[in-house]
């Protein structure tokens, strides 16, 4: 019985075609390049600060101050990253921080001590986030308009509560967190809170169903709905998360400033959006990175510190920030067009 003979193989002289790399590997490679680029920018800024003002910039207290200032806006940026990843926007974060800080520092609230101030700040933040979420998700309002209305309303209410005056915090347990005695291994407590929020945010966005749904909604809301995701409920949760981050930031700001003012959180929305964008979060939604957002916050805070140490005008600083935002958006569009 003869064995079947296989057809002869002819060598064309060409190497066999290889399958393209999986999409996740391509995205991971781009993420690594983006992270390394941001680290490079941050390193350059540190060198510039060290060269221009070596004694002041490289001083341990100044570096602690930079990290502390980055912590407040950094927590806000974590929440903003989730919202932008879903294809939304939140212009009210600065006003919510202001409202939460003044509401939590009223005389009536301070009578309940540390717990009263913390609970009020978080409750006000979540409450404002709930209103934003309901307007966007179930009221079908454009996020830009809904959060712009919240910005105006929260600022107005904060001004009404304070009557334009600064509310001094008298609760020692709150004020003590801002003193050097409360530092853990030389790290301010505010920085530790920022680190914890960032780690939790990274885990939620990259390792949970909630994070995958957020990316899906931002990439294609209709496809996400057809896949069984409750898009409206997901958007509501995202604005609640943003409000919660604003409440945490308000409490950190109370510790840092020792007071509550209706001007708190001024332009936080600009800084948070800018940090998220230059970090690699896609403004149109569908892609977000907590690591990039954290590095973006550190870059902007370092720029602010360098400008302050060199006695440069704040208007030049704003121009520099605007240029960085434009450059980041152009890079995003170029990257998107090549895919």
C-alpha atoms as a PDB file:
ATOM      1  CA  UNK A   1       0.000   0.000   0.000  1.00  0.00           C
ATOM      2  CA  UNK A   2       1.536   3.253  -1.102  1.00  0.00           C
ATOM      3  CA  UNK A   3       1.693   6.289   1.100  1.00  0.00           C
ATOM      4  CA  UNK A   4       0.104   9.500  -0.177  1.00  0.00           C
ATOM      5  CA  UNK A   5       2.679  11.829  -1.584  1.00  0.00           C
ATOM      6  CA  UNK A   6       2.483  15.449  -0.540  1.00  0.00           C
ATOM      7  CA  UNK A   7       2.740  18.039  -3.315  1.00  0.00           C
ATOM      8  CA  UNK A   8       6.211  19.481  -3.816  1.00  0.00           C
ATOM      9  CA  UNK A   9       7.051  22.752  -2.119  1.00  0.00           C
ATOM     10  CA  UNK A  10       8.617  25.486  -4.135  1.00  0.00           C
ATOM     11  CA  UNK A  11      10.852  28.081  -2.538  1.00  0.00           C
ATOM     12  CA  UNK A  12       9.967  31.518  -3.825  1.00  0.00           C
ATOM     13  CA  UNK A  13      13.038  33.028  -2.257  1.00  0.00           C
ATOM     14  CA  UNK A  14      10.931  35.259  -0.019  1.00  0.00           C
ATOM     15  CA  UNK A  15      10.735  35.070   3.744  1.00  0.00           C
ATOM     16  CA  UNK A  16       7.387  33.821   5.013  1.00  0.00           C
ATOM     17  CA  UNK A  17       4.986  36.557   5.998  1.00  0.00           C
ATOM     18  CA  UNK A  18       4.723  37.118   9.714  1.00  0.00           C
ATOM     19  CA  UNK A  19       1.561  38.044  11.518  1.00  0.00           C
ATOM     20  CA  UNK A  20       1.343  41.648  12.698  1.00  0.00           C
ATOM     21  CA  UNK A  21       1.855  42.221  16.424  1.00  0.00           C
ATOM     22  CA  UNK A  22      -1.278  42.261  18.563  1.00  0.00           C
ATOM     23  CA  UNK A  23      -2.943  45.643  18.999  1.00  0.00           C
ATOM     24  CA  UNK A  24      -2.314  45.642  22.734  1.00  0.00           C
ATOM     25  CA  UNK A  25       1.433  45.354  22.144  1.00  0.00           C
ATOM     26  CA  UNK A  26       1.366  48.356  19.807  1.00  0.00           C
ATOM     27  CA  UNK A  27      -0.580  50.394  22.338  1.00  0.00           C
ATOM     28  CA  UNK A  28       1.747  49.341  25.134  1.00  0.00           C
ATOM     29  CA  UNK A  29       4.780  50.354  23.090  1.00  0.00           C
ATOM     30  CA  UNK A  30       3.270  53.758  22.378  1.00  0.00           C
ATOM     31  CA  UNK A  31       2.366  54.193  26.030  1.00  0.00           C
ATOM     32  CA  UNK A  32       5.941  53.404  27.028  1.00  0.00           C
ATOM     33  CA  UNK A  33       7.308  55.931  24.527  1.00  0.00           C
ATOM     34  CA  UNK A  34       4.871  58.562  25.751  1.00  0.00           C
ATOM     35  CA  UNK A  35       5.743  57.917  29.393  1.00  0.00           C
ATOM     36  CA  UNK A  36       9.465  58.068  28.663  1.00  0.00           C
ATOM     37  CA  UNK A  37       8.954  61.310  26.744  1.00  0.00           C
ATOM     38  CA  UNK A  38       7.125  62.879  29.687  1.00  0.00           C
ATOM     39  CA  UNK A  39       9.829  61.704  32.063  1.00  0.00           C
ATOM     40  CA  UNK A  40      12.379  63.280  29.736  1.00  0.00           C
ATOM     41  CA  UNK A  41      10.527  66.605  29.765  1.00  0.00           C
ATOM     42  CA  UNK A  42      10.310  66.504  33.547  1.00  0.00           C
ATOM     43  CA  UNK A  43      14.033  65.734  33.779  1.00  0.00           C
ATOM     44  CA  UNK A  44      14.837  68.696  31.514  1.00  0.00           C
ATOM     45  CA  UNK A  45      12.736  70.998  33.699  1.00  0.00           C
ATOM     46  CA  UNK A  46      14.526  69.768  36.815  1.00  0.00           C
ATOM     47  CA  UNK A  47      17.869  70.485  35.146  1.00  0.00           C
ATOM     48  CA  UNK A  48      16.680  73.976  34.159  1.00  0.00           C
ATOM     49  CA  UNK A  49      15.521  74.666  37.700  1.00  0.00           C
ATOM     50  CA  UNK A  50      18.751  73.320  39.117  1.00  0.00           C
ATOM     51  CA  UNK A  51      20.849  75.470  36.791  1.00  0.00           C
ATOM     52  CA  UNK A  52      18.913  78.731  37.135  1.00  0.00           C
ATOM     53  CA  UNK A  53      18.241  78.563  40.872  1.00  0.00           C
ATOM     54  CA  UNK A  54      20.305  75.692  42.309  1.00  0.00           C
ATOM     55  CA  UNK A  55      20.110  76.687  45.959  1.00  0.00           C
ATOM     56  CA  UNK A  56      16.398  77.402  45.978  1.00  0.00           C
ATOM     57  CA  UNK A  57      15.027  74.842  43.517  1.00  0.00           C
ATOM     58  CA  UNK A  58      16.963  71.814  44.761  1.00  0.00           C
ATOM     59  CA  UNK A  59      16.263  72.620  48.392  1.00  0.00           C
ATOM     60  CA  UNK A  60      14.355  69.832  50.118  1.00  0.00           C
ATOM     61  CA  UNK A  61      11.633  72.179  51.334  1.00  0.00           C
ATOM     62  CA  UNK A  62      11.043  73.519  47.840  1.00  0.00           C
ATOM     63  CA  UNK A  63      10.747  70.015  46.393  1.00  0.00           C
ATOM     64  CA  UNK A  64       8.304  69.108  49.161  1.00  0.00           C
ATOM     65  CA  UNK A  65       6.325  72.250  48.335  1.00  0.00           C
ATOM     66  CA  UNK A  66       6.195  71.346  44.641  1.00  0.00           C
ATOM     67  CA  UNK A  67       4.877  67.875  45.431  1.00  0.00           C
ATOM     68  CA  UNK A  68       2.367  69.263  47.915  1.00  0.00           C
ATOM     69  CA  UNK A  69       0.998  71.777  45.424  1.00  0.00           C
ATOM     70  CA  UNK A  70       0.835  69.074  42.774  1.00  0.00           C
ATOM     71  CA  UNK A  71      -1.198  66.878  45.109  1.00  0.00           C
ATOM     72  CA  UNK A  72      -4.284  69.106  45.159  1.00  0.00           C
ATOM     73  CA  UNK A  73      -4.614  69.585  41.410  1.00  0.00           C
ATOM     74  CA  UNK A  74      -3.361  66.036  40.894  1.00  0.00           C
ATOM     75  CA  UNK A  75      -6.330  64.485  42.676  1.00  0.00           C
ATOM     76  CA  UNK A  76      -8.673  66.609  40.536  1.00  0.00           C
ATOM     77  CA  UNK A  77      -6.813  65.482  37.410  1.00  0.00           C
ATOM     78  CA  UNK A  78      -7.343  61.806  38.248  1.00  0.00           C
ATOM     79  CA  UNK A  79     -11.109  62.348  38.197  1.00  0.00           C
ATOM     80  CA  UNK A  80     -10.850  64.489  35.072  1.00  0.00           C
ATOM     81  CA  UNK A  81      -8.925  61.730  33.303  1.00  0.00           C
ATOM     82  CA  UNK A  82     -11.835  59.318  33.747  1.00  0.00           C
ATOM     83  CA  UNK A  83     -14.344  61.869  32.445  1.00  0.00           C
ATOM     84  CA  UNK A  84     -12.275  62.761  29.369  1.00  0.00           C
ATOM     85  CA  UNK A  85     -11.584  59.083  28.645  1.00  0.00           C
ATOM     86  CA  UNK A  86     -15.343  58.558  28.436  1.00  0.00           C
ATOM     87  CA  UNK A  87     -15.648  61.337  25.863  1.00  0.00           C
ATOM     88  CA  UNK A  88     -16.906  63.969  28.322  1.00  0.00           C
ATOM     89  CA  UNK A  89     -15.539  67.099  29.932  1.00  0.00           C
ATOM     90  CA  UNK A  90     -15.924  68.766  33.326  1.00  0.00           C
ATOM     91  CA  UNK A  91     -15.416  72.529  33.438  1.00  0.00           C
ATOM     92  CA  UNK A  92     -16.774  72.829  36.973  1.00  0.00           C
ATOM     93  CA  UNK A  93     -14.018  71.103  38.960  1.00  0.00           C
ATOM     94  CA  UNK A  94     -12.407  74.339  40.191  1.00  0.00           C
ATOM     95  CA  UNK A  95     -15.741  75.804  41.280  1.00  0.00           C
ATOM     96  CA  UNK A  96     -16.690  72.555  43.038  1.00  0.00           C
ATOM     97  CA  UNK A  97     -13.395  72.637  44.948  1.00  0.00           C
ATOM     98  CA  UNK A  98     -14.138  76.229  45.995  1.00  0.00           C
ATOM     99  CA  UNK A  99     -17.695  75.428  47.088  1.00  0.00           C
ATOM    100  CA  UNK A 100     -16.642  72.316  49.004  1.00  0.00           C
ATOM    101  CA  UNK A 101     -13.820  74.173  50.756  1.00  0.00           C
ATOM    102  CA  UNK A 102     -15.978  77.072  51.953  1.00  0.00           C
ATOM    103  CA  UNK A 103     -18.922  74.878  52.929  1.00  0.00           C
ATOM    104  CA  UNK A 104     -16.598  72.646  54.941  1.00  0.00           C
ATOM    105  CA  UNK A 105     -15.018  75.600  56.778  1.00  0.00           C
ATOM    106  CA  UNK A 106     -18.128  77.383  58.000  1.00  0.00           C
ATOM    107  CA  UNK A 107     -18.401  77.895  61.753  1.00  0.00           C
ATOM    108  CA  UNK A 108     -21.287  75.430  61.967  1.00  0.00           C
ATOM    109  CA  UNK A 109     -19.313  72.725  60.168  1.00  0.00           C
ATOM    110  CA  UNK A 110     -16.141  73.228  62.200  1.00  0.00           C
ATOM    111  CA  UNK A 111     -18.089  72.529  65.381  1.00  0.00           C
ATOM    112  CA  UNK A 112     -18.089  68.860  64.327  1.00  0.00           C
ATOM    113  CA  UNK A 113     -14.291  68.817  64.133  1.00  0.00           C
ATOM    114  CA  UNK A 114     -12.144  66.835  61.722  1.00  0.00           C
ATOM    115  CA  UNK A 115     -14.884  64.390  60.705  1.00  0.00           C
ATOM    116  CA  UNK A 116     -17.356  67.180  60.035  1.00  0.00           C
ATOM    117  CA  UNK A 117     -14.983  69.056  57.728  1.00  0.00           C
ATOM    118  CA  UNK A 118     -13.959  65.917  55.825  1.00  0.00           C
ATOM    119  CA  UNK A 119     -17.518  64.628  55.461  1.00  0.00           C
ATOM    120  CA  UNK A 120     -18.835  67.991  54.266  1.00  0.00           C
ATOM    121  CA  UNK A 121     -16.091  68.431  51.684  1.00  0.00           C
ATOM    122  CA  UNK A 122     -16.705  64.956  50.259  1.00  0.00           C
ATOM    123  CA  UNK A 123     -20.504  65.305  50.382  1.00  0.00           C
ATOM    124  CA  UNK A 124     -20.500  68.637  48.557  1.00  0.00           C
ATOM    125  CA  UNK A 125     -18.149  67.267  45.900  1.00  0.00           C
ATOM    126  CA  UNK A 126     -20.224  64.143  45.328  1.00  0.00           C
ATOM    127  CA  UNK A 127     -23.459  66.171  45.361  1.00  0.00           C
ATOM    128  CA  UNK A 128     -22.199  68.496  42.637  1.00  0.00           C
ATOM    129  CA  UNK A 129     -20.954  65.507  40.659  1.00  0.00           C
ATOM    130  CA  UNK A 130     -24.391  63.926  40.983  1.00  0.00           C
ATOM    131  CA  UNK A 131     -26.042  67.024  39.504  1.00  0.00           C
ATOM    132  CA  UNK A 132     -23.558  67.080  36.627  1.00  0.00           C
ATOM    133  CA  UNK A 133     -24.066  63.379  35.991  1.00  0.00           C
ATOM    134  CA  UNK A 134     -27.851  63.607  35.984  1.00  0.00           C
ATOM    135  CA  UNK A 135     -27.819  66.568  33.594  1.00  0.00           C
ATOM    136  CA  UNK A 136     -25.391  64.887  31.192  1.00  0.00           C
ATOM    137  CA  UNK A 137     -26.549  61.274  31.382  1.00  0.00           C
ATOM    138  CA  UNK A 138     -30.302  61.569  31.858  1.00  0.00           C
ATOM    139  CA  UNK A 139     -30.966  65.196  30.948  1.00  0.00           C
ATOM    140  CA  UNK A 140     -29.041  64.628  27.695  1.00  0.00           C
ATOM    141  CA  UNK A 141     -27.273  67.966  28.053  1.00  0.00           C
ATOM    142  CA  UNK A 142     -23.950  68.546  26.349  1.00  0.00           C
ATOM    143  CA  UNK A 143     -21.220  68.103  29.014  1.00  0.00           C
ATOM    144  CA  UNK A 144     -19.705  71.472  28.131  1.00  0.00           C
ATOM    145  CA  UNK A 145     -22.979  73.297  28.846  1.00  0.00           C
ATOM    146  CA  UNK A 146     -23.968  71.277  31.921  1.00  0.00           C
ATOM    147  CA  UNK A 147     -20.626  71.685  33.671  1.00  0.00           C
ATOM    148  CA  UNK A 148     -20.355  75.325  32.619  1.00  0.00           C
ATOM    149  CA  UNK A 149     -23.669  75.950  34.371  1.00  0.00           C
ATOM    150  CA  UNK A 150     -22.348  74.146  37.458  1.00  0.00           C
ATOM    151  CA  UNK A 151     -19.206  76.299  37.327  1.00  0.00           C
ATOM    152  CA  UNK A 152     -21.247  79.499  37.474  1.00  0.00           C
ATOM    153  CA  UNK A 153     -23.657  78.201  40.116  1.00  0.00           C
ATOM    154  CA  UNK A 154     -20.980  76.763  42.418  1.00  0.00           C
ATOM    155  CA  UNK A 155     -18.874  79.925  42.237  1.00  0.00           C
ATOM    156  CA  UNK A 156     -21.904  82.051  43.015  1.00  0.00           C
ATOM    157  CA  UNK A 157     -22.938  79.885  45.959  1.00  0.00           C
ATOM    158  CA  UNK A 158     -19.373  79.875  47.328  1.00  0.00           C
ATOM    159  CA  UNK A 159     -19.323  83.669  47.181  1.00  0.00           C
ATOM    160  CA  UNK A 160     -22.703  83.842  48.902  1.00  0.00           C
ATOM    161  CA  UNK A 161     -21.567  81.556  51.733  1.00  0.00           C
ATOM    162  CA  UNK A 162     -18.372  83.488  52.432  1.00  0.00           C
ATOM    163  CA  UNK A 163     -19.669  86.966  51.546  1.00  0.00           C
ATOM    164  CA  UNK A 164     -16.237  87.490  50.035  1.00  0.00           C
ATOM    165  CA  UNK A 165     -14.393  86.801  53.295  1.00  0.00           C
ATOM    166  CA  UNK A 166     -11.781  84.175  54.161  1.00  0.00           C
ATOM    167  CA  UNK A 167     -12.956  81.482  56.569  1.00  0.00           C
ATOM    168  CA  UNK A 168     -10.154  80.518  58.951  1.00  0.00           C
ATOM    169  CA  UNK A 169      -9.893  76.890  60.108  1.00  0.00           C
ATOM    170  CA  UNK A 170      -9.608  76.515  63.885  1.00  0.00           C
ATOM    171  CA  UNK A 171      -9.644  72.712  64.156  1.00  0.00           C
ATOM    172  CA  UNK A 172      -6.162  71.701  65.322  1.00  0.00           C
ATOM    173  CA  UNK A 173      -6.426  68.117  64.076  1.00  0.00           C
ATOM    174  CA  UNK A 174      -6.869  69.450  60.537  1.00  0.00           C
ATOM    175  CA  UNK A 175      -4.180  72.113  60.724  1.00  0.00           C
ATOM    176  CA  UNK A 176      -1.649  69.687  62.192  1.00  0.00           C
ATOM    177  CA  UNK A 177      -1.653  67.628  58.966  1.00  0.00           C
ATOM    178  CA  UNK A 178       0.000  70.533  57.194  1.00  0.00           C
ATOM    179  CA  UNK A 179       2.865  70.835  59.675  1.00  0.00           C
ATOM    180  CA  UNK A 180       6.263  69.210  59.248  1.00  0.00           C
ATOM    181  CA  UNK A 181       5.724  67.027  62.304  1.00  0.00           C
ATOM    182  CA  UNK A 182       3.066  65.138  60.342  1.00  0.00           C
ATOM    183  CA  UNK A 183       5.458  64.218  57.509  1.00  0.00           C
ATOM    184  CA  UNK A 184       6.058  60.491  57.025  1.00  0.00           C
ATOM    185  CA  UNK A 185       9.719  59.808  56.152  1.00  0.00           C
ATOM    186  CA  UNK A 186       9.952  63.369  54.884  1.00  0.00           C
ATOM    187  CA  UNK A 187       6.848  63.010  52.708  1.00  0.00           C
ATOM    188  CA  UNK A 188       3.906  65.387  53.381  1.00  0.00           C
ATOM    189  CA  UNK A 189       0.564  63.653  54.101  1.00  0.00           C
ATOM    190  CA  UNK A 190      -1.016  65.414  51.118  1.00  0.00           C
ATOM    191  CA  UNK A 191       1.483  63.752  48.787  1.00  0.00           C
ATOM    192  CA  UNK A 192       0.671  60.353  50.285  1.00  0.00           C
ATOM    193  CA  UNK A 193      -3.046  60.948  49.655  1.00  0.00           C
ATOM    194  CA  UNK A 194      -2.282  61.918  46.067  1.00  0.00           C
ATOM    195  CA  UNK A 195      -0.203  58.772  45.622  1.00  0.00           C
ATOM    196  CA  UNK A 196      -2.980  56.555  47.000  1.00  0.00           C
ATOM    197  CA  UNK A 197      -5.625  58.199  44.792  1.00  0.00           C
ATOM    198  CA  UNK A 198      -3.383  57.823  41.738  1.00  0.00           C
ATOM    199  CA  UNK A 199      -2.706  54.138  42.394  1.00  0.00           C
ATOM    200  CA  UNK A 200      -6.386  53.419  42.949  1.00  0.00           C
ATOM    201  CA  UNK A 201      -7.258  55.372  39.807  1.00  0.00           C
ATOM    202  CA  UNK A 202      -4.716  53.396  37.769  1.00  0.00           C
ATOM    203  CA  UNK A 203      -6.035  50.080  39.052  1.00  0.00           C
ATOM    204  CA  UNK A 204      -9.660  51.036  38.389  1.00  0.00           C
ATOM    205  CA  UNK A 205      -8.973  52.293  34.859  1.00  0.00           C
ATOM    206  CA  UNK A 206      -6.674  49.438  33.806  1.00  0.00           C
ATOM    207  CA  UNK A 207      -7.694  46.416  35.849  1.00  0.00           C
ATOM    208  CA  UNK A 208     -11.466  46.582  36.377  1.00  0.00           C
ATOM    209  CA  UNK A 209     -14.651  46.222  34.366  1.00  0.00           C
ATOM    210  CA  UNK A 210     -15.517  49.811  35.268  1.00  0.00           C
ATOM    211  CA  UNK A 211     -12.355  51.022  33.530  1.00  0.00           C
ATOM    212  CA  UNK A 212     -12.982  48.929  30.428  1.00  0.00           C
ATOM    213  CA  UNK A 213     -16.527  50.259  30.221  1.00  0.00           C
ATOM    214  CA  UNK A 214     -15.226  53.815  30.540  1.00  0.00           C
ATOM    215  CA  UNK A 215     -12.865  53.300  27.602  1.00  0.00           C
ATOM    216  CA  UNK A 216     -15.613  51.604  25.585  1.00  0.00           C
ATOM    217  CA  UNK A 217     -18.064  54.465  26.127  1.00  0.00           C
ATOM    218  CA  UNK A 218     -15.438  56.992  25.093  1.00  0.00           C
ATOM    219  CA  UNK A 219     -14.428  55.010  22.013  1.00  0.00           C
ATOM    220  CA  UNK A 220     -17.924  54.430  20.659  1.00  0.00           C
ATOM    221  CA  UNK A 221     -20.949  55.022  22.884  1.00  0.00           C
ATOM    222  CA  UNK A 222     -23.396  53.352  20.501  1.00  0.00           C
ATOM    223  CA  UNK A 223     -21.259  50.233  20.167  1.00  0.00           C
ATOM    224  CA  UNK A 224     -20.898  50.137  23.942  1.00  0.00           C
ATOM    225  CA  UNK A 225     -24.689  50.307  24.303  1.00  0.00           C
ATOM    226  CA  UNK A 226     -25.181  47.480  21.817  1.00  0.00           C
ATOM    227  CA  UNK A 227     -22.628  45.459  23.786  1.00  0.00           C
ATOM    228  CA  UNK A 228     -24.840  45.693  26.875  1.00  0.00           C
ATOM    229  CA  UNK A 229     -23.244  48.610  28.716  1.00  0.00           C
ATOM    230  CA  UNK A 230     -25.614  51.042  30.396  1.00  0.00           C
ATOM    231  CA  UNK A 231     -23.994  54.171  28.945  1.00  0.00           C
ATOM    232  CA  UNK A 232     -26.096  56.655  30.908  1.00  0.00           C
ATOM    233  CA  UNK A 233     -25.406  54.993  34.230  1.00  0.00           C
ATOM    234  CA  UNK A 234     -21.692  54.754  33.418  1.00  0.00           C
ATOM    235  CA  UNK A 235     -21.546  58.481  32.685  1.00  0.00           C
ATOM    236  CA  UNK A 236     -23.375  59.237  35.915  1.00  0.00           C
ATOM    237  CA  UNK A 237     -20.819  57.210  37.868  1.00  0.00           C
ATOM    238  CA  UNK A 238     -17.953  59.037  36.138  1.00  0.00           C
ATOM    239  CA  UNK A 239     -19.208  62.475  37.143  1.00  0.00           C
ATOM    240  CA  UNK A 240     -19.780  61.186  40.667  1.00  0.00           C
ATOM    241  CA  UNK A 241     -16.145  60.053  40.655  1.00  0.00           C
ATOM    242  CA  UNK A 242     -15.013  63.462  39.431  1.00  0.00           C
ATOM    243  CA  UNK A 243     -17.022  65.154  42.184  1.00  0.00           C
ATOM    244  CA  UNK A 244     -15.525  62.826  44.793  1.00  0.00           C
ATOM    245  CA  UNK A 245     -12.013  63.746  43.639  1.00  0.00           C
ATOM    246  CA  UNK A 246     -12.949  67.428  43.895  1.00  0.00           C
ATOM    247  CA  UNK A 247     -14.123  66.866  47.482  1.00  0.00           C
ATOM    248  CA  UNK A 248     -10.841  65.173  48.384  1.00  0.00           C
ATOM    249  CA  UNK A 249      -8.903  68.004  46.737  1.00  0.00           C
ATOM    250  CA  UNK A 250     -10.936  70.579  48.672  1.00  0.00           C
ATOM    251  CA  UNK A 251     -10.026  68.895  51.960  1.00  0.00           C
ATOM    252  CA  UNK A 252      -6.347  68.828  50.967  1.00  0.00           C
ATOM    253  CA  UNK A 253      -6.551  72.509  50.065  1.00  0.00           C
ATOM    254  CA  UNK A 254      -8.073  73.281  53.453  1.00  0.00           C
ATOM    255  CA  UNK A 255      -5.119  71.564  55.114  1.00  0.00           C
ATOM    256  CA  UNK A 256      -2.638  73.379  52.873  1.00  0.00           C
ATOM    257  CA  UNK A 257      -4.133  76.871  53.219  1.00  0.00           C
ATOM    258  CA  UNK A 258      -5.713  76.578  56.652  1.00  0.00           C
ATOM    259  CA  UNK A 259      -8.789  78.367  55.359  1.00  0.00           C
ATOM    260  CA  UNK A 260     -11.650  78.308  52.889  1.00  0.00           C
ATOM    261  CA  UNK A 261     -12.121  80.943  50.192  1.00  0.00           C
ATOM    262  CA  UNK A 262     -14.518  81.393  47.310  1.00  0.00           C
ATOM    263  CA  UNK A 263     -11.502  81.959  45.026  1.00  0.00           C
ATOM    264  CA  UNK A 264     -10.080  78.491  45.722  1.00  0.00           C
ATOM    265  CA  UNK A 265      -9.619  76.241  42.725  1.00  0.00           C
ATOM    266  CA  UNK A 266      -9.262  79.098  40.262  1.00  0.00           C
ATOM    267  CA  UNK A 267      -8.408  77.715  36.784  1.00  0.00           C
ATOM    268  CA  UNK A 268      -8.173  74.168  38.146  1.00  0.00           C
ATOM    269  CA  UNK A 269     -10.261  73.041  35.189  1.00  0.00           C
ATOM    270  CA  UNK A 270      -7.613  74.380  32.791  1.00  0.00           C
ATOM    271  CA  UNK A 271      -4.729  72.750  34.654  1.00  0.00           C
ATOM    272  CA  UNK A 272      -6.528  69.404  35.037  1.00  0.00           C
ATOM    273  CA  UNK A 273      -7.561  69.188  31.390  1.00  0.00           C
ATOM    274  CA  UNK A 274      -4.115  70.282  30.227  1.00  0.00           C
ATOM    275  CA  UNK A 275      -2.329  67.756  32.450  1.00  0.00           C
ATOM    276  CA  UNK A 276      -4.558  64.932  31.230  1.00  0.00           C
ATOM    277  CA  UNK A 277      -4.080  65.877  27.575  1.00  0.00           C
ATOM    278  CA  UNK A 278      -0.311  66.204  27.623  1.00  0.00           C
ATOM    279  CA  UNK A 279      -0.226  62.969  29.591  1.00  0.00           C
ATOM    280  CA  UNK A 280      -1.773  61.133  26.652  1.00  0.00           C
ATOM    281  CA  UNK A 281      -5.499  61.044  27.430  1.00  0.00           C
ATOM    282  CA  UNK A 282      -7.349  61.473  24.146  1.00  0.00           C
ATOM    283  CA  UNK A 283      -9.572  64.551  24.213  1.00  0.00           C
ATOM    284  CA  UNK A 284     -12.177  62.859  22.024  1.00  0.00           C
ATOM    285  CA  UNK A 285     -12.343  59.881  24.395  1.00  0.00           C
ATOM    286  CA  UNK A 286     -11.479  56.221  24.133  1.00  0.00           C
ATOM    287  CA  UNK A 287      -8.010  56.377  25.655  1.00  0.00           C
ATOM    288  CA  UNK A 288      -6.787  57.473  29.058  1.00  0.00           C
ATOM    289  CA  UNK A 289      -3.689  57.131  31.184  1.00  0.00           C
ATOM    290  CA  UNK A 290      -3.410  57.897  34.873  1.00  0.00           C
ATOM    291  CA  UNK A 291       0.381  57.635  34.782  1.00  0.00           C
ATOM    292  CA  UNK A 292       0.568  60.239  32.021  1.00  0.00           C
ATOM    293  CA  UNK A 293      -1.827  62.532  33.874  1.00  0.00           C
ATOM    294  CA  UNK A 294       0.283  62.376  37.031  1.00  0.00           C
ATOM    295  CA  UNK A 295       3.407  63.228  35.043  1.00  0.00           C
ATOM    296  CA  UNK A 296       1.514  66.059  33.355  1.00  0.00           C
ATOM    297  CA  UNK A 297       0.607  67.509  36.744  1.00  0.00           C
ATOM    298  CA  UNK A 298       4.222  67.298  37.903  1.00  0.00           C
ATOM    299  CA  UNK A 299       5.408  69.020  34.704  1.00  0.00           C
ATOM    300  CA  UNK A 300       3.007  71.938  35.088  1.00  0.00           C
ATOM    301  CA  UNK A 301       3.719  72.316  38.796  1.00  0.00           C
ATOM    302  CA  UNK A 302       7.457  72.297  38.151  1.00  0.00           C
ATOM    303  CA  UNK A 303       7.045  74.942  35.445  1.00  0.00           C
ATOM    304  CA  UNK A 304       5.087  77.118  37.888  1.00  0.00           C
ATOM    305  CA  UNK A 305       7.773  76.727  40.540  1.00  0.00           C
ATOM    306  CA  UNK A 306      10.601  77.581  38.116  1.00  0.00           C
ATOM    307  CA  UNK A 307       8.753  80.688  36.935  1.00  0.00           C
ATOM    308  CA  UNK A 308       8.119  81.783  40.515  1.00  0.00           C
ATOM    309  CA  UNK A 309      11.736  81.276  41.593  1.00  0.00           C
ATOM    310  CA  UNK A 310      12.998  83.252  38.600  1.00  0.00           C
ATOM    311  CA  UNK A 311      10.503  86.082  39.214  1.00  0.00           C
ATOM    312  CA  UNK A 312       8.896  85.687  35.787  1.00  0.00           C
ATOM    313  CA  UNK A 313       5.471  87.144  35.119  1.00  0.00           C
ATOM    314  CA  UNK A 314       2.431  84.901  35.470  1.00  0.00           C
ATOM    315  CA  UNK A 315       1.174  85.917  32.012  1.00  0.00           C
ATOM    316  CA  UNK A 316       4.296  84.373  30.447  1.00  0.00           C
ATOM    317  CA  UNK A 317       3.579  81.225  32.450  1.00  0.00           C
ATOM    318  CA  UNK A 318       0.041  81.029  31.070  1.00  0.00           C
ATOM    319  CA  UNK A 319       1.368  81.507  27.531  1.00  0.00           C
ATOM    320  CA  UNK A 320       3.822  78.643  28.075  1.00  0.00           C
ATOM    321  CA  UNK A 321       1.030  76.394  29.349  1.00  0.00           C
ATOM    322  CA  UNK A 322      -1.143  77.273  26.363  1.00  0.00           C
ATOM    323  CA  UNK A 323       1.685  76.438  23.968  1.00  0.00           C
ATOM    324  CA  UNK A 324       2.212  73.081  25.669  1.00  0.00           C
ATOM    325  CA  UNK A 325      -1.491  72.248  25.355  1.00  0.00           C
ATOM    326  CA  UNK A 326      -1.546  73.114  21.637  1.00  0.00           C
ATOM    327  CA  UNK A 327       1.583  71.052  21.007  1.00  0.00           C
ATOM    328  CA  UNK A 328       0.119  68.067  22.872  1.00  0.00           C
ATOM    329  CA  UNK A 329      -3.137  68.180  20.873  1.00  0.00           C
ATOM    330  CA  UNK A 330      -1.243  68.439  17.578  1.00  0.00           C
ATOM    331  CA  UNK A 331       0.865  65.420  18.528  1.00  0.00           C
ATOM    332  CA  UNK A 332      -2.302  63.494  19.379  1.00  0.00           C
ATOM    333  CA  UNK A 333      -3.861  64.314  16.018  1.00  0.00           C
ATOM    334  CA  UNK A 334      -0.697  63.328  14.172  1.00  0.00           C
ATOM    335  CA  UNK A 335      -0.537  60.050  16.069  1.00  0.00           C
ATOM    336  CA  UNK A 336      -4.216  59.321  15.389  1.00  0.00           C
ATOM    337  CA  UNK A 337      -3.828  60.053  11.655  1.00  0.00           C
ATOM    338  CA  UNK A 338      -0.986  57.539  11.313  1.00  0.00           C
ATOM    339  CA  UNK A 339      -2.928  54.663  12.857  1.00  0.00           C
END
